[in-house]
């Protein structure tokens, strides 16, 4: 198959930021944690670089869905629905409050496919986050673009949980939680906060819980239950969407001496996200 997006492969974009205590404290509050306020030199948890290395574009450069317009850094994929599909993260070194960090994002691949729901395009991005002491985190991120939902189409039933939960938390995905997470990540995708848009234009039954928010909640569950462990890697795969219309659960269990399996379940107890951690 001829890939019309070949010219976009290898393109790079870079961002720099200062890691502040204020942003870490705001996320701590949003996650309902009781941690002490962060101070200069404190290590931020793995994965929290996301709240500093943010995609910031001018308002005029956003598309109707709230995402940055395509055709600048991201390829001009002519499919309306964009969804985060998963991340494989490796944590090399800690990041500290007060540190200047940078991120280089590279387009690794753009792959058109045809699935049961119609045309699809899979976009793979590589993020390399560095601190003042060198490479801190490497991420491989998958994004999928889809056609509009077909009238009367039904999604396949998600699979059951992968095992028996040893740790678990119930999450209430209020519109306030979704708004705060959108603000913390500078994510203006309207499917997370604009109920009229998400139900009438993209035809979803409610506001979508951000995939990265569920990822963050799984990371947080691991921290709550394994505070003495140093996380080395965390691989997450989105399985099915979660909406703000019902509570959901994050859960997990140990997997050997140096690993853990975690997952998120929708209100019917079916799998929404799966994750593997090593420490």
Protein backbone atom coordinates (compact mmCIF):
# COMPACT_ATOMS: atom_id res chain seq x y z
CA UNK A 1 0.00 0.00 0.00
CA UNK A 2 1.35 3.41 -0.95
CA UNK A 3 1.78 5.49 2.19
CA UNK A 4 0.98 9.12 1.36
CA UNK A 5 2.38 10.13 4.77
CA UNK A 6 5.94 8.92 4.12
CA UNK A 7 7.32 12.46 3.97
CA UNK A 8 6.20 13.09 7.58
CA UNK A 9 8.17 10.21 9.06
CA UNK A 10 11.22 11.50 10.92
CA UNK A 11 9.86 15.01 11.51
CA UNK A 12 10.69 16.41 14.93
CA UNK A 13 9.31 18.96 17.34
CA UNK A 14 10.90 20.17 20.58
CA UNK A 15 9.66 21.76 23.80
CA UNK A 16 11.37 23.07 26.94
CA UNK A 17 10.00 23.67 30.42
CA UNK A 18 10.90 24.44 34.02
CA UNK A 19 9.66 21.88 36.55
CA UNK A 20 7.81 23.88 39.19
CA UNK A 21 6.39 22.85 42.56
CA UNK A 22 3.12 24.66 41.75
CA UNK A 23 2.23 22.29 38.88
CA UNK A 24 3.12 19.19 40.91
CA UNK A 25 1.03 20.42 43.84
CA UNK A 26 -1.92 21.10 41.50
CA UNK A 27 -1.77 17.54 40.19
CA UNK A 28 -1.43 16.15 43.73
CA UNK A 29 -4.63 17.97 44.68
CA UNK A 30 -6.43 16.77 41.56
CA UNK A 31 -5.54 13.16 42.42
CA UNK A 32 -6.83 13.66 46.00
CA UNK A 33 -3.45 12.84 47.49
CA UNK A 34 -2.34 14.10 50.91
CA UNK A 35 1.35 14.52 50.07
CA UNK A 36 3.36 17.39 51.50
CA UNK A 37 3.87 20.35 49.15
CA UNK A 38 6.74 19.90 46.71
CA UNK A 39 9.89 21.95 47.18
CA UNK A 40 13.05 22.67 45.21
CA UNK A 41 15.02 19.51 44.55
CA UNK A 42 12.19 17.03 45.18
CA UNK A 43 11.81 14.21 42.69
CA UNK A 44 8.53 14.27 40.76
CA UNK A 45 6.87 10.88 40.18
CA UNK A 46 7.52 8.96 36.94
CA UNK A 47 5.23 10.12 34.17
CA UNK A 48 4.61 13.59 35.62
CA UNK A 49 6.78 15.24 32.95
CA UNK A 50 3.54 15.21 30.91
CA UNK A 51 2.30 18.16 32.98
CA UNK A 52 5.28 20.30 32.00
CA UNK A 53 6.06 19.24 28.44
CA UNK A 54 2.77 20.40 26.95
CA UNK A 55 1.63 21.07 23.41
CA UNK A 56 0.90 24.80 23.31
CA UNK A 57 -0.41 26.41 20.13
CA UNK A 58 -2.10 29.72 19.41
CA UNK A 59 -5.88 29.69 19.64
CA UNK A 60 -6.16 30.44 15.92
CA UNK A 61 -4.14 27.29 15.19
CA UNK A 62 -6.66 24.94 16.81
CA UNK A 63 -9.12 22.92 14.76
CA UNK A 64 -12.86 22.50 15.34
CA UNK A 65 -12.24 19.54 17.67
CA UNK A 66 -9.88 21.58 19.85
CA UNK A 67 -6.71 19.82 18.76
CA UNK A 68 -3.92 21.67 16.93
CA UNK A 69 -4.61 21.88 13.20
CA UNK A 70 -3.02 19.09 11.20
CA UNK A 71 -0.47 19.70 8.49
CA UNK A 72 2.13 21.58 10.52
CA UNK A 73 3.98 19.05 12.68
CA UNK A 74 1.34 16.34 12.61
CA UNK A 75 0.43 14.94 9.17
CA UNK A 76 -2.85 16.07 7.52
CA UNK A 77 -4.77 12.88 8.28
CA UNK A 78 -8.27 13.31 6.86
CA UNK A 79 -10.17 11.36 9.52
CA UNK A 80 -12.22 13.21 12.15
CA UNK A 81 -11.82 11.18 15.35
CA UNK A 82 -8.46 11.09 17.13
CA UNK A 83 -7.80 8.85 20.14
CA UNK A 84 -4.73 8.11 22.27
CA UNK A 85 -4.16 4.32 22.07
CA UNK A 86 -1.25 3.62 24.39
CA UNK A 87 2.23 4.44 25.66
CA UNK A 88 5.36 2.45 26.41
CA UNK A 89 7.51 4.43 28.85
CA UNK A 90 11.02 3.73 30.14
CA UNK A 91 12.26 5.76 33.11
CA UNK A 92 16.04 6.21 33.01
CA UNK A 93 16.66 8.97 35.57
CA UNK A 94 14.53 11.01 37.99
CA UNK A 95 13.35 14.56 37.27
CA UNK A 96 13.49 17.17 40.04
CA UNK A 97 11.56 20.29 40.94
CA UNK A 98 13.60 23.28 39.79
CA UNK A 99 15.10 21.39 36.85
CA UNK A 100 14.95 22.56 33.25
CA UNK A 101 13.75 19.74 31.00
CA UNK A 102 13.27 19.32 27.26
CA UNK A 103 11.35 16.98 25.02
CA UNK A 104 12.08 15.97 21.44
CA UNK A 105 9.11 14.33 19.68
CA UNK A 106 9.79 12.32 16.52
CA UNK A 107 7.18 10.90 14.14
CA UNK A 108 8.23 7.25 13.97
CA UNK A 109 5.54 5.92 11.63
CA UNK A 110 2.19 6.73 10.02
CA UNK A 111 0.30 3.59 8.97
CA UNK A 112 -3.07 3.58 7.15
CA UNK A 113 -5.23 0.48 7.67
CA UNK A 114 -8.78 -0.72 7.12
CA UNK A 115 -10.59 -2.19 10.12
CA UNK A 116 -14.10 -3.33 11.00
CA UNK A 117 -15.07 0.29 11.67
CA UNK A 118 -13.65 1.57 8.36
CA UNK A 119 -10.53 3.60 7.55
CA UNK A 120 -7.89 3.94 10.26
CA UNK A 121 -4.51 5.65 10.51
CA UNK A 122 -2.05 4.71 13.26
CA UNK A 123 0.47 7.37 14.28
CA UNK A 124 3.50 6.41 16.39
CA UNK A 125 5.42 9.15 18.21
CA UNK A 126 8.68 8.89 20.13
CA UNK A 127 9.21 11.30 23.04
CA UNK A 128 12.67 11.74 24.53
CA UNK A 129 12.53 13.77 27.74
CA UNK A 130 15.86 14.99 29.09
CA UNK A 131 16.79 16.77 32.29
CA UNK A 132 19.94 18.61 33.24
CA UNK A 133 21.64 15.24 33.84
CA UNK A 134 20.76 13.67 30.48
CA UNK A 135 17.98 11.45 29.12
CA UNK A 136 15.34 10.88 31.80
CA UNK A 137 12.39 9.22 30.05
CA UNK A 138 11.70 7.60 26.69
CA UNK A 139 8.13 7.12 25.49
CA UNK A 140 6.63 5.44 22.45
CA UNK A 141 3.10 6.79 22.04
CA UNK A 142 0.38 5.42 19.74
CA UNK A 143 -2.48 7.54 18.38
CA UNK A 144 -5.29 6.27 16.15
CA UNK A 145 -7.45 8.30 13.76
CA UNK A 146 -10.89 6.93 12.82
CA UNK A 147 -13.87 7.64 10.59
CA UNK A 148 -17.06 9.12 12.02
CA UNK A 149 -19.23 6.63 13.85
CA UNK A 150 -21.66 4.86 11.55
CA UNK A 151 -25.36 5.10 12.46
CA UNK A 152 -26.43 2.08 14.50
CA UNK A 153 -22.88 0.74 14.82
CA UNK A 154 -22.09 -1.07 18.07
CA UNK A 155 -18.63 -1.62 19.51
CA UNK A 156 -17.54 -5.16 20.40
CA UNK A 157 -17.77 -6.10 24.06
CA UNK A 158 -14.45 -5.48 25.86
CA UNK A 159 -12.71 -8.47 27.47
CA UNK A 160 -12.92 -9.27 31.21
CA UNK A 161 -10.20 -8.22 33.69
CA UNK A 162 -6.87 -10.05 33.36
CA UNK A 163 -6.81 -11.32 36.93
CA UNK A 164 -7.87 -10.95 40.55
CA UNK A 165 -7.28 -7.47 41.97
CA UNK A 166 -5.05 -7.07 45.01
CA UNK A 167 -5.24 -3.25 44.82
CA UNK A 168 -8.20 -1.21 43.60
CA UNK A 169 -9.78 2.25 43.71
CA UNK A 170 -13.13 3.50 42.45
CA UNK A 171 -12.90 6.68 40.37
CA UNK A 172 -15.74 9.16 39.90
CA UNK A 173 -15.05 10.84 36.52
CA UNK A 174 -16.75 14.13 37.25
CA UNK A 175 -16.71 16.94 34.74
CA UNK A 176 -14.56 18.86 37.25
CA UNK A 177 -11.90 16.11 37.21
CA UNK A 178 -11.90 16.05 33.41
CA UNK A 179 -11.68 19.84 33.22
CA UNK A 180 -8.80 20.02 35.70
CA UNK A 181 -6.86 17.32 33.87
CA UNK A 182 -7.42 19.08 30.54
CA UNK A 183 -6.13 22.31 32.08
CA UNK A 184 -3.09 20.67 33.68
CA UNK A 185 -2.08 19.12 30.34
CA UNK A 186 -3.16 22.04 28.10
CA UNK A 187 -5.44 19.57 26.29
CA UNK A 188 -8.24 21.44 24.54
CA UNK A 189 -9.75 18.39 22.79
CA UNK A 190 -13.47 19.05 23.10
CA UNK A 191 -14.47 15.41 23.66
CA UNK A 192 -13.33 15.84 27.28
CA UNK A 193 -15.35 18.92 28.28
CA UNK A 194 -17.90 19.93 25.60
CA UNK A 195 -20.93 17.67 26.05
CA UNK A 196 -22.86 19.11 23.10
CA UNK A 197 -19.90 18.61 20.76
CA UNK A 198 -19.02 15.11 21.94
CA UNK A 199 -22.60 13.77 21.76
CA UNK A 200 -23.89 15.58 18.67
CA UNK A 201 -20.78 15.83 16.47
CA UNK A 202 -18.61 12.85 17.44
CA UNK A 203 -21.64 10.76 18.53
CA UNK A 204 -20.26 9.49 21.84
CA UNK A 205 -22.66 8.84 24.76
CA UNK A 206 -20.86 11.21 27.13
CA UNK A 207 -17.64 13.05 27.84
CA UNK A 208 -14.64 10.80 27.30
CA UNK A 209 -12.20 10.23 30.12
CA UNK A 210 -8.75 11.09 28.76
CA UNK A 211 -6.69 8.00 28.04
CA UNK A 212 -3.66 9.69 29.67
CA UNK A 213 -5.81 10.44 32.74
CA UNK A 214 -6.54 6.74 33.16
CA UNK A 215 -2.81 6.12 32.58
CA UNK A 216 -2.02 8.68 35.32
CA UNK A 217 -4.52 7.03 37.69
CA UNK A 218 -2.92 3.62 37.10
CA UNK A 219 0.51 5.10 37.82
CA UNK A 220 -0.94 6.70 40.94
CA UNK A 221 -2.43 3.40 42.11
CA UNK A 222 0.97 1.75 41.70
CA UNK A 223 2.58 4.54 43.80
CA UNK A 224 -0.05 4.25 46.53
CA UNK A 225 0.51 0.50 46.86
CA UNK A 226 4.27 0.37 46.20
CA UNK A 227 5.71 3.53 47.70
CA UNK A 228 9.10 1.89 48.28
CA UNK A 229 9.55 0.75 44.65
CA UNK A 230 11.46 2.63 41.93
CA UNK A 231 9.54 2.33 38.68
CA UNK A 232 11.64 1.35 35.64
CA UNK A 233 9.00 1.01 32.93
CA UNK A 234 5.25 1.30 32.42
CA UNK A 235 3.46 0.09 29.28
CA UNK A 236 -0.20 0.97 28.79
CA UNK A 237 -2.74 -0.06 26.14
CA UNK A 238 -6.18 1.46 25.72
CA UNK A 239 -8.80 -1.25 25.15
CA UNK A 240 -12.18 0.51 25.30
CA UNK A 241 -13.43 4.03 26.11
CA UNK A 242 -14.56 5.27 29.52
CA UNK A 243 -17.26 7.96 29.75
CA UNK A 244 -18.23 10.34 32.52
CA UNK A 245 -21.65 8.70 32.74
CA UNK A 246 -20.53 6.04 35.26
CA UNK A 247 -17.84 5.45 37.88
CA UNK A 248 -14.97 3.16 36.91
CA UNK A 249 -12.25 1.23 38.71
CA UNK A 250 -8.45 1.10 38.56
CA UNK A 251 -6.95 -2.12 39.89
CA UNK A 252 -3.82 -4.23 39.89
CA UNK A 253 -1.75 -6.98 41.42
CA UNK A 254 1.92 -7.97 41.77
CA UNK A 255 3.45 -9.92 38.88
CA UNK A 256 6.54 -11.67 40.18
CA UNK A 257 9.18 -9.97 42.32
CA UNK A 258 9.88 -7.04 39.99
CA UNK A 259 6.64 -6.44 38.13
CA UNK A 260 2.96 -5.60 38.39
CA UNK A 261 -0.09 -5.89 36.17
CA UNK A 262 -2.65 -3.09 36.36
CA UNK A 263 -5.93 -2.39 34.61
CA UNK A 264 -8.97 -0.13 34.43
CA UNK A 265 -12.52 -1.50 34.28
CA UNK A 266 -15.67 0.22 33.08
CA UNK A 267 -18.88 0.24 35.11
CA UNK A 268 -19.79 -3.19 33.74
CA UNK A 269 -16.52 -4.72 34.92
CA UNK A 270 -15.05 -4.97 31.41
CA UNK A 271 -11.51 -4.01 30.46
CA UNK A 272 -10.87 -0.39 29.45
CA UNK A 273 -7.08 -0.24 29.82
CA UNK A 274 -4.27 -2.66 30.62
CA UNK A 275 -0.77 -1.93 31.91
CA UNK A 276 2.47 -3.69 32.82
CA UNK A 277 4.99 -2.18 35.24
CA UNK A 278 8.56 -3.15 36.09
CA UNK A 279 10.54 -1.89 39.05
